[in-house]
PDB file of N, CA and C in Angstrom:
ATOM      1  N   MET A   1      16.173 169.532 123.909  1.00  0.00           N
ATOM      2  CA  MET A   1      16.267 170.347 125.232  1.00  0.00           C
ATOM      3  C   MET A   1      14.748 170.864 125.515  1.00  0.00           C
ATOM      4  N   MET A   2      14.542 170.625 126.902  1.00  0.00           N
ATOM      5  CA  MET A   2      13.114 171.138 127.317  1.00  0.00           C
ATOM      6  C   MET A   2      13.281 172.572 127.837  1.00  0.00           C
ATOM      7  N   ASP A   3      12.125 173.227 127.608  1.00  0.00           N
ATOM      8  CA  ASP A   3      12.036 174.573 128.075  1.00  0.00           C
ATOM      9  C   ASP A   3      11.812 174.557 129.670  1.00  0.00           C
ATOM     10  N   GLY A   4      11.698 175.935 130.195  1.00  0.00           N
ATOM     11  CA  GLY A   4      11.521 175.863 131.619  1.00  0.00           C
ATOM     12  C   GLY A   4      10.191 175.169 132.177  1.00  0.00           C
ATOM     13  N   VAL A   5       9.259 175.117 131.338  1.00  0.00           N
ATOM     14  CA  VAL A   5       7.993 174.533 131.878  1.00  0.00           C
ATOM     15  C   VAL A   5       8.147 173.010 131.790  1.00  0.00           C
ATOM     16  N   GLY A   6       8.717 172.599 130.646  1.00  0.00           N
ATOM     17  CA  GLY A   6       8.968 171.093 130.571  1.00  0.00           C
ATOM     18  C   GLY A   6       9.885 170.525 131.847  1.00  0.00           C
ATOM     19  N   LEU A   7      11.044 171.400 132.051  1.00  0.00           N
ATOM     20  CA  LEU A   7      12.088 170.990 133.003  1.00  0.00           C
ATOM     21  C   LEU A   7      11.225 170.987 134.460  1.00  0.00           C
ATOM     22  N   PHE A   8      10.426 172.059 134.662  1.00  0.00           N
ATOM     23  CA  PHE A   8       9.649 172.159 135.881  1.00  0.00           C
ATOM     24  C   PHE A   8       8.747 170.827 136.260  1.00  0.00           C
ATOM     25  N   GLU A   9       8.093 170.625 134.929  1.00  0.00           N
ATOM     26  CA  GLU A   9       7.066 169.402 135.104  1.00  0.00           C
ATOM     27  C   GLU A   9       7.734 168.155 135.454  1.00  0.00           C
ATOM     28  N   GLU A  10       9.095 167.879 134.619  1.00  0.00           N
ATOM     29  CA  GLU A  10       9.539 166.630 134.880  1.00  0.00           C
ATOM     30  C   GLU A  10      10.289 166.716 136.382  1.00  0.00           C
ATOM     31  N   ALA A  11      10.739 167.754 136.827  1.00  0.00           N
ATOM     32  CA  ALA A  11      11.216 167.874 138.130  1.00  0.00           C
ATOM     33  C   ALA A  11      10.338 167.454 139.175  1.00  0.00           C
ATOM     34  N   CYS A  12       9.071 168.059 139.002  1.00  0.00           N
ATOM     35  CA  CYS A  12       8.033 167.785 140.158  1.00  0.00           C
ATOM     36  C   CYS A  12       7.714 166.267 140.020  1.00  0.00           C
ATOM     37  N   ALA A  13       7.564 165.725 138.801  1.00  0.00           N
ATOM     38  CA  ALA A  13       7.231 164.272 138.712  1.00  0.00           C
ATOM     39  C   ALA A  13       8.379 163.478 139.548  1.00  0.00           C
ATOM     40  N   LEU A  14       9.578 163.799 139.323  1.00  0.00           N
ATOM     41  CA  LEU A  14      10.585 162.856 139.836  1.00  0.00           C
ATOM     42  C   LEU A  14      10.729 163.152 141.446  1.00  0.00           C
ATOM     43  N   ILE A  15      10.508 164.368 141.806  1.00  0.00           N
ATOM     44  CA  ILE A  15      10.620 164.609 143.269  1.00  0.00           C
ATOM     45  C   ILE A  15       9.339 163.847 143.915  1.00  0.00           C
ATOM     46  N   SER A  16       8.245 163.933 143.292  1.00  0.00           N
ATOM     47  CA  SER A  16       7.034 163.364 143.748  1.00  0.00           C
ATOM     48  C   SER A  16       7.284 161.714 143.858  1.00  0.00           C
ATOM     49  N   ALA A  17       7.929 161.195 142.834  1.00  0.00           N
ATOM     50  CA  ALA A  17       8.124 159.827 142.864  1.00  0.00           C
ATOM     51  C   ALA A  17       9.001 159.204 144.122  1.00  0.00           C
ATOM     52  N   GLY A  18       9.855 160.157 144.616  1.00  0.00           N
ATOM     53  CA  GLY A  18      10.556 159.773 145.748  1.00  0.00           C
ATOM     54  C   GLY A  18      11.807 159.006 145.440  1.00  0.00           C
ATOM     55  N   GLY A  19      12.380 158.711 146.457  1.00  0.00           N
ATOM     56  CA  GLY A  19      13.772 157.931 146.153  1.00  0.00           C
ATOM     57  C   GLY A  19      14.979 159.030 146.038  1.00  0.00           C
ATOM     58  N   GLY A  20      16.113 158.447 146.628  1.00  0.00           N
ATOM     59  CA  GLY A  20      17.247 159.323 146.616  1.00  0.00           C
ATOM     60  C   GLY A  20      17.637 159.974 145.105  1.00  0.00           C
ATOM     61  N   ALA A  21      17.780 158.963 144.186  1.00  0.00           N
ATOM     62  CA  ALA A  21      18.187 159.184 142.899  1.00  0.00           C
ATOM     63  C   ALA A  21      17.114 160.206 142.147  1.00  0.00           C
ATOM     64  N   ASN A  22      15.808 160.078 142.334  1.00  0.00           N
ATOM     65  CA  ASN A  22      14.834 160.796 141.772  1.00  0.00           C
ATOM     66  C   ASN A  22      14.829 162.251 142.376  1.00  0.00           C
ATOM     67  N   LEU A  23      15.101 162.264 143.740  1.00  0.00           N
ATOM     68  CA  LEU A  23      15.243 163.601 144.353  1.00  0.00           C
ATOM     69  C   LEU A  23      16.269 164.412 143.822  1.00  0.00           C
ATOM     70  N   MET A  24      17.502 163.809 143.763  1.00  0.00           N
ATOM     71  CA  MET A  24      18.695 164.508 143.206  1.00  0.00           C
ATOM     72  C   MET A  24      18.447 164.986 141.860  1.00  0.00           C
ATOM     73  N   ARG A  25      17.961 164.061 140.974  1.00  0.00           N
ATOM     74  CA  ARG A  25      17.756 164.564 139.589  1.00  0.00           C
ATOM     75  C   ARG A  25      16.693 165.503 139.466  1.00  0.00           C
ATOM     76  N   GLY A  26      15.589 165.493 140.219  1.00  0.00           N
ATOM     77  CA  GLY A  26      14.509 166.489 140.264  1.00  0.00           C
ATOM     78  C   GLY A  26      15.103 167.750 140.713  1.00  0.00           C
ATOM     79  N   VAL A  27      15.824 167.696 141.759  1.00  0.00           N
ATOM     80  CA  VAL A  27      16.299 169.114 142.136  1.00  0.00           C
ATOM     81  C   VAL A  27      17.240 169.857 141.176  1.00  0.00           C
ATOM     82  N   GLU A  28      17.978 168.956 140.455  1.00  0.00           N
ATOM     83  CA  GLU A  28      18.894 169.431 139.405  1.00  0.00           C
ATOM     84  C   GLU A  28      18.004 170.095 138.295  1.00  0.00           C
ATOM     85  N   LEU A  29      16.984 169.343 137.969  1.00  0.00           N
ATOM     86  CA  LEU A  29      16.116 169.770 136.817  1.00  0.00           C
ATOM     87  C   LEU A  29      15.274 171.078 137.252  1.00  0.00           C
ATOM     88  N   MET A  30      15.051 171.082 138.643  1.00  0.00           N
ATOM     89  CA  MET A  30      14.472 172.266 139.109  1.00  0.00           C
ATOM     90  C   MET A  30      15.309 173.470 138.954  1.00  0.00           C
ATOM     91  N   ARG A  31      16.644 173.277 139.238  1.00  0.00           N
ATOM     92  CA  ARG A  31      17.542 174.329 139.132  1.00  0.00           C
ATOM     93  C   ARG A  31      17.594 174.860 137.709  1.00  0.00           C
ATOM     94  N   GLN A  32      17.597 173.838 136.711  1.00  0.00           N
ATOM     95  CA  GLN A  32      17.599 174.233 135.364  1.00  0.00           C
ATOM     96  C   GLN A  32      16.364 174.944 134.994  1.00  0.00           C
ATOM     97  N   ALA A  33      15.308 174.587 135.451  1.00  0.00           N
ATOM     98  CA  ALA A  33      13.969 175.255 135.077  1.00  0.00           C
ATOM     99  C   ALA A  33      14.164 176.732 135.714  1.00  0.00           C
ATOM    100  N   ALA A  34      14.494 176.930 136.931  1.00  0.00           N
ATOM    101  CA  ALA A  34      14.657 178.251 137.538  1.00  0.00           C
ATOM    102  C   ALA A  34      15.637 179.029 136.744  1.00  0.00           C
ATOM    103  N   ASP A  35      16.904 178.423 136.249  1.00  0.00           N
ATOM    104  CA  ASP A  35      17.750 179.206 135.390  1.00  0.00           C
ATOM    105  C   ASP A  35      17.256 179.670 134.087  1.00  0.00           C
ATOM    106  N   ALA A  36      16.091 178.827 133.475  1.00  0.00           N
ATOM    107  CA  ALA A  36      15.469 179.273 132.375  1.00  0.00           C
ATOM    108  C   ALA A  36      14.318 180.100 132.602  1.00  0.00           C
ATOM    109  N   GLY A  37      14.190 180.609 133.769  1.00  0.00           N
ATOM    110  CA  GLY A  37      13.344 181.796 134.126  1.00  0.00           C
ATOM    111  C   GLY A  37      11.876 181.383 134.559  1.00  0.00           C
ATOM    112  N   HIS A  38      11.541 179.959 134.937  1.00  0.00           N
ATOM    113  CA  HIS A  38      10.451 179.670 135.560  1.00  0.00           C
ATOM    114  C   HIS A  38      10.342 180.091 136.873  1.00  0.00           C
ATOM    115  N   PRO A  39       9.376 180.969 137.316  1.00  0.00           N
ATOM    116  CA  PRO A  39       9.372 181.518 138.601  1.00  0.00           C
ATOM    117  C   PRO A  39       8.934 180.478 139.717  1.00  0.00           C
ATOM    118  N   SER A  40       8.014 179.712 139.503  1.00  0.00           N
ATOM    119  CA  SER A  40       7.690 178.649 140.558  1.00  0.00           C
ATOM    120  C   SER A  40       8.964 177.786 140.863  1.00  0.00           C
ATOM    121  N   ALA A  41       9.656 177.272 139.675  1.00  0.00           N
ATOM    122  CA  ALA A  41      10.910 176.601 139.886  1.00  0.00           C
ATOM    123  C   ALA A  41      11.926 177.321 140.757  1.00  0.00           C
ATOM    124  N   ALA A  42      12.070 178.568 140.400  1.00  0.00           N
ATOM    125  CA  ALA A  42      12.991 179.383 141.130  1.00  0.00           C
ATOM    126  C   ALA A  42      12.684 179.445 142.695  1.00  0.00           C
ATOM    127  N   ASN A  43      11.284 179.555 143.055  1.00  0.00           N
ATOM    128  CA  ASN A  43      10.908 179.551 144.399  1.00  0.00           C
ATOM    129  C   ASN A  43      11.180 178.121 144.992  1.00  0.00           C
ATOM    130  N   ASN A  44      10.902 177.096 144.303  1.00  0.00           N
ATOM    131  CA  ASN A  44      11.135 175.794 144.911  1.00  0.00           C
ATOM    132  C   ASN A  44      12.614 175.487 145.013  1.00  0.00           C
ATOM    133  N   PHE A  45      13.393 175.875 144.015  1.00  0.00           N
ATOM    134  CA  PHE A  45      14.855 175.706 144.208  1.00  0.00           C
ATOM    135  C   PHE A  45      15.462 176.427 145.308  1.00  0.00           C
ATOM    136  N   GLY A  46      14.948 177.573 145.519  1.00  0.00           N
ATOM    137  CA  GLY A  46      15.290 178.518 146.817  1.00  0.00           C
ATOM    138  C   GLY A  46      14.966 177.738 147.960  1.00  0.00           C
ATOM    139  N   THR A  47      13.842 176.999 147.962  1.00  0.00           N
ATOM    140  CA  THR A  47      13.436 176.327 149.193  1.00  0.00           C
ATOM    141  C   THR A  47      14.328 175.204 149.482  1.00  0.00           C
ATOM    142  N   PHE A  48      14.719 174.501 148.312  1.00  0.00           N
ATOM    143  CA  PHE A  48      15.633 173.440 148.531  1.00  0.00           C
ATOM    144  C   PHE A  48      17.072 173.973 149.050  1.00  0.00           C
ATOM    145  N   LEU A  49      17.524 174.827 148.521  1.00  0.00           N
ATOM    146  CA  LEU A  49      18.775 175.452 149.071  1.00  0.00           C
ATOM    147  C   LEU A  49      18.674 175.985 150.502  1.00  0.00           C
ATOM    148  N   HIS A  50      17.531 176.513 150.734  1.00  0.00           N
ATOM    149  CA  HIS A  50      17.265 176.939 152.203  1.00  0.00           C
ATOM    150  C   HIS A  50      17.210 175.865 153.346  1.00  0.00           C
ATOM    151  N   SER A  51      16.611 174.732 152.780  1.00  0.00           N
ATOM    152  CA  SER A  51      16.568 173.617 153.650  1.00  0.00           C
ATOM    153  C   SER A  51      17.605 172.570 153.709  1.00  0.00           C
ATOM    154  N   GLY A  52      18.399 172.586 152.526  1.00  0.00           N
ATOM    155  CA  GLY A  52      19.454 171.579 152.350  1.00  0.00           C
ATOM    156  C   GLY A  52      18.953 170.307 151.881  1.00  0.00           C
ATOM    157  N   ARG A  53      17.746 170.242 151.289  1.00  0.00           N
ATOM    158  CA  ARG A  53      17.204 168.973 150.837  1.00  0.00           C
ATOM    159  C   ARG A  53      17.585 168.730 149.420  1.00  0.00           C
ATOM    160  N   GLY A  54      18.461 167.786 149.222  1.00  0.00           N
ATOM    161  CA  GLY A  54      18.775 167.483 148.005  1.00  0.00           C
ATOM    162  C   GLY A  54      20.016 168.100 147.360  1.00  0.00           C
ATOM    163  N   VAL A  55      20.425 169.152 148.190  1.00  0.00           N
ATOM    164  CA  VAL A  55      21.471 169.980 147.826  1.00  0.00           C
ATOM    165  C   VAL A  55      22.096 170.495 149.071  1.00  0.00           C
ATOM    166  N   HIS A  56      23.470 170.927 149.046  1.00  0.00           N
ATOM    167  CA  HIS A  56      24.026 171.645 150.174  1.00  0.00           C
ATOM    168  C   HIS A  56      23.289 172.853 150.726  1.00  0.00           C
ATOM    169  N   LYS A  57      23.081 173.016 151.902  1.00  0.00           N
ATOM    170  CA  LYS A  57      22.280 174.208 152.253  1.00  0.00           C
ATOM    171  C   LYS A  57      23.109 175.571 151.972  1.00  0.00           C
ATOM    172  N   ASP A  58      22.364 176.377 151.321  1.00  0.00           N
ATOM    173  CA  ASP A  58      23.164 177.729 150.826  1.00  0.00           C
ATOM    174  C   ASP A  58      22.151 178.738 150.896  1.00  0.00           C
ATOM    175  N   LEU A  59      22.172 179.569 152.083  1.00  0.00           N
ATOM    176  CA  LEU A  59      21.139 180.578 152.352  1.00  0.00           C
ATOM    177  C   LEU A  59      21.349 181.910 151.413  1.00  0.00           C
ATOM    178  N   THR A  60      22.542 182.031 150.878  1.00  0.00           N
ATOM    179  CA  THR A  60      22.822 183.141 149.990  1.00  0.00           C
ATOM    180  C   THR A  60      22.270 182.782 148.669  1.00  0.00           C
ATOM    181  N   GLY A  61      22.497 181.521 148.307  1.00  0.00           N
ATOM    182  CA  GLY A  61      21.857 181.106 146.960  1.00  0.00           C
ATOM    183  C   GLY A  61      20.272 181.016 147.039  1.00  0.00           C
ATOM    184  N   ALA A  62      19.811 180.615 148.221  1.00  0.00           N
ATOM    185  CA  ALA A  62      18.322 180.583 148.384  1.00  0.00           C
ATOM    186  C   ALA A  62      17.743 181.980 148.218  1.00  0.00           C
ATOM    187  N   ARG A  63      18.426 183.082 148.802  1.00  0.00           N
ATOM    188  CA  ARG A  63      17.762 184.505 148.657  1.00  0.00           C
ATOM    189  C   ARG A  63      17.845 184.825 147.189  1.00  0.00           C
ATOM    190  N   ALA A  64      19.055 184.361 146.464  1.00  0.00           N
ATOM    191  CA  ALA A  64      18.970 184.809 145.029  1.00  0.00           C
ATOM    192  C   ALA A  64      17.896 184.089 144.328  1.00  0.00           C
ATOM    193  N   TYR A  65      17.626 182.843 144.554  1.00  0.00           N
ATOM    194  CA  TYR A  65      16.540 182.257 143.855  1.00  0.00           C
ATOM    195  C   TYR A  65      15.090 182.771 144.231  1.00  0.00           C
ATOM    196  N   TYR A  66      15.005 183.109 145.554  1.00  0.00           N
ATOM    197  CA  TYR A  66      13.705 183.633 145.879  1.00  0.00           C
ATOM    198  C   TYR A  66      13.486 184.948 145.266  1.00  0.00           C
ATOM    199  N   GLY A  67      14.574 185.757 145.032  1.00  0.00           N
ATOM    200  CA  GLY A  67      14.551 187.039 144.316  1.00  0.00           C
ATOM    201  C   GLY A  67      14.066 186.823 142.905  1.00  0.00           C
ATOM    202  N   GLN A  68      14.443 185.769 142.260  1.00  0.00           N
ATOM    203  CA  GLN A  68      13.897 185.539 140.900  1.00  0.00           C
ATOM    204  C   GLN A  68      12.470 185.205 140.867  1.00  0.00           C
ATOM    205  N   ALA A  69      12.021 184.648 141.842  1.00  0.00           N
ATOM    206  CA  ALA A  69      10.562 184.154 141.941  1.00  0.00           C
ATOM    207  C   ALA A  69       9.498 185.083 141.816  1.00  0.00           C
TER     208      ALA A  69
END
């Protein structure tokens, strides 16, 4: 199992690669990195929740992840 940094780096690579499946997996890894305490991942996942990109839009959840960042 990867730590928060490894999860964050893998998430960024997948999201940058593009494509629907890469985006979905990248966003999930970004959530895992955020939950592992990675502050940049928390900010990024909050942004995904705020915009609804790759996940269902959730403003309450976005605020919570922004608060972790």
